[in-house]
Amino acid sequence: MLSGITFSQYADFRFDSFNCVNCDEYANTVINQSAFWMSETPSIDPMSQNRFYIQSGYSLSISKIKGHHWGYPNLDLGIKTTKNLSLTGKIFGFSSQEESPQILGAGLQYAFGGKDTLNWVTSIQRIDLKGLNHYHLTSITIDIRKWIKWNPIIFRIGTGSIFYKQKSFFTVSGMDSKIDGQINFIGVDTLYPYSIYTIGVGTRFHPRKTMISFFIQKELF
């Protein structure tokens, strides 16, 4: 799982590595897919007493681009500052084709619910994708999830929206220099505590795309 932090299989962030007929459509597909991947929020249990979290995983696109299911690494950090509020962050780099993408961003998660049951969590997160030759991408994610415990399995279910903006350093005829958009999705995560770790699988659905993620999480004191 941790090896996914170093390498991204098949994912190609360049615009000139494919002889596109409709280059604007291809660029939009790459940007849209990248925004969908990097906007994933970490699963921080609102009822846990631990304060520090590290979550490593791998996301895989169900739809194909250039004949492949593109895969991406994930690495998230989290810290609970109060009973209700957690701060999250992403800061890592990896190799993909001829690129060295860098992910940098932060967010917060606010838990609420009944007097003794914080089973709803709202997340706000901003992430930047840097280090690419052809473009820079920024995304803001807002989602709300409900945590449902069915011992020993935990479900995290909800919906959200991703707002993204991209600025190109590389353009060809018919390709926009700036691309922005919105992605609405439904998210379902399943978590299973195993020994000192939590193993999880998550899925985010959109009418034209689906992303599945596998991750392992460790809570620290």
Protein backbone atom coordinates (compact mmCIF):
# COMPACT_ATOMS: atom_id res chain seq x y z
CA MET A 1 0.00 0.00 0.00
CA LEU A 2 2.75 2.45 0.93
CA SER A 3 4.49 1.81 -2.39
CA GLY A 4 1.59 3.64 -4.02
CA ILE A 5 2.92 6.87 -2.49
CA THR A 6 5.95 6.68 -4.78
CA PHE A 7 4.47 5.52 -8.06
CA SER A 8 1.17 6.05 -9.84
CA GLN A 9 0.34 3.33 -12.33
CA TYR A 10 -0.97 4.48 -15.72
CA ALA A 11 -2.09 7.94 -14.57
CA ASP A 12 -0.71 10.44 -17.09
CA PHE A 13 -0.98 14.15 -16.30
CA ARG A 14 0.45 15.36 -19.63
CA PHE A 15 -1.61 16.66 -22.54
CA ASP A 16 0.88 15.79 -25.32
CA SER A 17 1.34 12.06 -24.65
CA PHE A 18 -1.82 11.15 -26.56
CA ASN A 19 -2.63 11.94 -30.20
CA CYS A 20 -6.05 13.39 -29.43
CA VAL A 21 -8.56 14.28 -32.12
CA ASN A 22 -10.51 16.52 -29.75
CA CYS A 23 -7.76 17.83 -27.47
CA ASP A 24 -10.08 20.07 -25.47
CA GLU A 25 -12.27 17.09 -24.57
CA TYR A 26 -9.22 15.00 -23.61
CA ALA A 27 -7.80 17.81 -21.42
CA ASN A 28 -11.15 18.16 -19.67
CA THR A 29 -11.20 14.41 -18.99
CA VAL A 30 -7.70 14.45 -17.46
CA ILE A 31 -8.45 17.50 -15.31
CA ASN A 32 -11.84 16.22 -14.19
CA GLN A 33 -10.38 12.85 -13.23
CA SER A 34 -7.47 14.44 -11.35
CA ALA A 35 -9.82 16.71 -9.38
CA PHE A 36 -12.05 13.76 -8.50
CA TRP A 37 -9.08 11.79 -7.16
CA MET A 38 -7.23 14.43 -5.15
CA SER A 39 -10.38 15.75 -3.45
CA GLU A 40 -11.00 12.61 -1.38
CA THR A 41 -11.39 13.38 2.35
CA PRO A 42 -9.84 11.12 5.03
CA SER A 43 -12.00 8.97 7.33
CA ILE A 44 -11.48 10.34 10.84
CA ASP A 45 -13.73 8.57 13.35
CA PRO A 46 -15.62 11.30 15.25
CA MET A 47 -16.16 9.01 18.27
CA SER A 48 -12.54 7.91 18.66
CA GLN A 49 -10.55 9.16 21.64
CA ASN A 50 -7.24 9.21 19.75
CA ARG A 51 -5.88 12.50 18.42
CA PHE A 52 -3.45 11.76 15.56
CA TYR A 53 -4.17 9.88 12.34
CA ILE A 54 -2.23 8.75 9.29
CA GLN A 55 -4.02 7.20 6.32
CA SER A 56 -2.29 5.73 3.27
CA GLY A 57 -4.01 4.24 0.27
CA TYR A 58 -4.60 3.96 -3.44
CA SER A 59 -7.46 5.16 -5.67
CA LEU A 60 -8.49 3.48 -8.91
CA SER A 61 -10.73 4.88 -11.62
CA ILE A 62 -13.43 2.46 -12.78
CA SER A 63 -13.77 4.19 -16.16
CA LYS A 64 -10.87 3.87 -18.60
CA ILE A 65 -8.71 6.59 -20.12
CA LYS A 66 -6.49 5.61 -23.05
CA GLY A 67 -7.52 2.00 -22.42
CA HIS A 68 -6.40 1.86 -18.78
CA HIS A 69 -7.91 2.21 -15.33
CA TRP A 70 -5.85 5.07 -13.94
CA GLY A 71 -4.51 4.66 -10.40
CA TYR A 72 -3.37 7.30 -7.91
CA PRO A 73 -1.68 7.22 -4.47
CA ASN A 74 -3.13 8.84 -1.36
CA LEU A 75 -1.63 10.03 1.93
CA ASP A 76 -3.59 11.94 4.57
CA LEU A 77 -2.75 13.24 8.03
CA GLY A 78 -5.21 14.30 10.72
CA ILE A 79 -5.24 15.75 14.20
CA LYS A 80 -8.18 16.28 16.55
CA THR A 81 -7.94 19.71 18.15
CA THR A 82 -11.21 19.42 20.11
CA LYS A 83 -13.93 16.81 20.57
CA ASN A 84 -15.76 18.18 17.52
CA LEU A 85 -13.02 19.62 15.31
CA SER A 86 -10.27 17.85 13.35
CA LEU A 87 -7.65 19.36 11.04
CA THR A 88 -6.49 17.38 8.01
CA GLY A 89 -3.63 17.71 5.57
CA LYS A 90 -2.11 16.25 2.43
CA ILE A 91 1.55 16.78 1.62
CA PHE A 92 3.37 14.27 -0.57
CA GLY A 93 4.90 13.73 -3.97
CA PHE A 94 5.23 10.79 -6.34
CA SER A 95 6.37 9.76 -9.82
CA SER A 96 3.99 9.25 -12.73
CA GLN A 97 5.18 8.70 -16.28
CA GLU A 98 7.57 11.64 -16.89
CA GLU A 99 6.03 13.83 -14.19
CA SER A 100 6.66 14.40 -10.47
CA PRO A 101 3.32 15.62 -9.10
CA GLN A 102 3.13 17.26 -5.68
CA ILE A 103 0.00 17.30 -3.54
CA LEU A 104 -0.38 20.03 -0.94
CA GLY A 105 -3.48 21.04 0.98
CA ALA A 106 -5.45 21.17 4.20
CA GLY A 107 -8.97 21.01 5.53
CA LEU A 108 -11.15 20.66 8.57
CA GLN A 109 -13.82 18.24 9.73
CA TYR A 110 -16.55 19.23 12.17
CA ALA A 111 -18.51 16.50 13.98
CA PHE A 112 -22.01 16.98 15.34
CA GLY A 113 -25.05 14.94 16.37
CA GLY A 114 -26.75 13.93 19.60
CA LYS A 115 -25.50 14.72 23.09
CA ASP A 116 -23.32 11.61 23.27
CA THR A 117 -23.25 10.58 19.61
CA LEU A 118 -21.20 12.60 17.12
CA ASN A 119 -22.21 10.62 14.05
CA TRP A 120 -22.40 13.42 11.45
CA VAL A 121 -19.27 15.04 9.99
CA THR A 122 -18.98 18.01 7.64
CA SER A 123 -15.68 18.40 5.77
CA ILE A 124 -14.16 21.35 3.93
CA GLN A 125 -10.86 20.82 2.15
CA ARG A 126 -8.63 22.67 -0.32
CA ILE A 127 -5.98 20.77 -2.29
CA ASP A 128 -3.41 21.93 -4.87
CA LEU A 129 -1.79 19.72 -7.50
CA LYS A 130 1.58 21.21 -8.41
CA GLY A 131 4.87 20.21 -10.02
CA LEU A 132 3.38 19.36 -13.43
CA ASN A 133 4.74 20.57 -16.75
CA HIS A 134 1.39 21.38 -18.32
CA TYR A 135 -0.94 22.73 -15.65
CA HIS A 136 -1.71 23.62 -12.04
CA LEU A 137 -4.94 22.40 -10.44
CA THR A 138 -6.81 23.57 -7.32
CA SER A 139 -9.87 21.93 -5.80
CA ILE A 140 -12.23 22.71 -2.93
CA THR A 141 -14.33 19.88 -1.52
CA ILE A 142 -17.38 20.21 0.71
CA ASP A 143 -19.10 17.06 1.92
CA ILE A 144 -21.26 15.72 4.72
CA ARG A 145 -21.10 12.12 5.95
CA LYS A 146 -22.95 10.02 8.50
CA TRP A 147 -21.05 7.39 10.50
CA ILE A 148 -22.94 4.16 11.13
CA LYS A 149 -21.43 1.50 13.40
CA TRP A 150 -22.46 -2.10 12.84
CA ASN A 151 -19.89 -3.84 15.02
CA PRO A 152 -17.21 -4.43 14.08
CA ILE A 153 -17.80 -2.72 10.70
CA ILE A 154 -18.15 1.05 10.36
CA PHE A 155 -19.84 2.80 7.44
CA ARG A 156 -19.28 6.39 6.33
CA ILE A 157 -22.04 7.49 3.94
CA GLY A 158 -22.87 10.87 2.44
CA THR A 159 -22.69 13.32 -0.42
CA GLY A 160 -20.54 16.23 -1.49
CA SER A 161 -19.37 18.63 -4.18
CA ILE A 162 -15.96 19.37 -5.68
CA PHE A 163 -15.17 22.78 -7.18
CA TYR A 164 -11.99 22.89 -9.26
CA LYS A 165 -9.95 25.38 -11.28
CA GLN A 166 -7.08 24.63 -13.63
CA LYS A 167 -4.56 26.87 -15.37
CA SER A 168 -2.60 25.48 -18.30
CA PHE A 169 1.02 26.19 -19.17
CA PHE A 170 0.64 24.13 -22.36
CA THR A 171 -2.01 24.64 -25.02
CA VAL A 172 -2.71 23.48 -28.55
CA SER A 173 -5.35 24.55 -31.03
CA GLY A 174 -8.83 24.03 -29.63
CA MET A 175 -7.70 23.67 -26.00
CA ASP A 176 -8.75 26.12 -23.31
CA SER A 177 -6.02 27.68 -21.17
CA LYS A 178 -8.31 27.59 -18.13
CA ILE A 179 -10.74 24.87 -17.10
CA ASP A 180 -13.10 24.92 -14.15
CA GLY A 181 -16.05 22.87 -13.07
CA GLN A 182 -18.07 21.17 -10.37
CA ILE A 183 -18.43 17.47 -9.53
CA ASN A 184 -21.28 16.27 -7.33
CA PHE A 185 -20.88 12.81 -5.83
CA ILE A 186 -22.20 10.20 -3.41
CA GLY A 187 -19.60 8.59 -1.16
CA VAL A 188 -19.65 5.28 0.73
CA ASP A 189 -16.74 4.04 2.87
CA THR A 190 -16.48 0.77 4.79
CA LEU A 191 -13.95 0.50 7.63
CA TYR A 192 -12.86 -2.60 9.55
CA PRO A 193 -10.61 -2.42 12.64
CA TYR A 194 -7.89 -5.06 12.48
CA SER A 195 -5.27 -5.28 15.22
CA ILE A 196 -3.82 -1.77 15.65
CA TYR A 197 -4.94 -0.66 12.17
CA THR A 198 -8.16 0.17 10.38
CA ILE A 199 -8.57 -1.24 6.88
CA GLY A 200 -10.98 0.49 4.55
CA VAL A 201 -12.47 0.60 1.09
CA GLY A 202 -14.36 3.58 -0.27
CA THR A 203 -16.33 4.43 -3.37
CA ARG A 204 -17.44 7.76 -4.80
CA PHE A 205 -20.15 7.79 -7.46
CA HIS A 206 -20.86 10.35 -10.16
CA PRO A 207 -23.15 9.75 -13.18
CA ARG A 208 -20.12 9.69 -15.52
CA LYS A 209 -17.37 8.35 -13.29
CA THR A 210 -16.67 6.16 -10.26
CA MET A 211 -13.55 6.07 -8.09
CA ILE A 212 -12.76 3.24 -5.70
CA SER A 213 -10.17 3.62 -2.92
CA PHE A 214 -8.34 1.18 -0.68
CA PHE A 215 -6.62 2.44 2.45
CA ILE A 216 -5.06 1.53 5.76
CA GLN A 217 -5.24 3.87 8.73
CA LYS A 218 -3.34 4.11 12.00
CA GLU A 219 -4.52 6.12 15.00
CA LEU A 220 -1.79 7.48 17.26
CA PHE A 221 -2.48 8.25 20.95
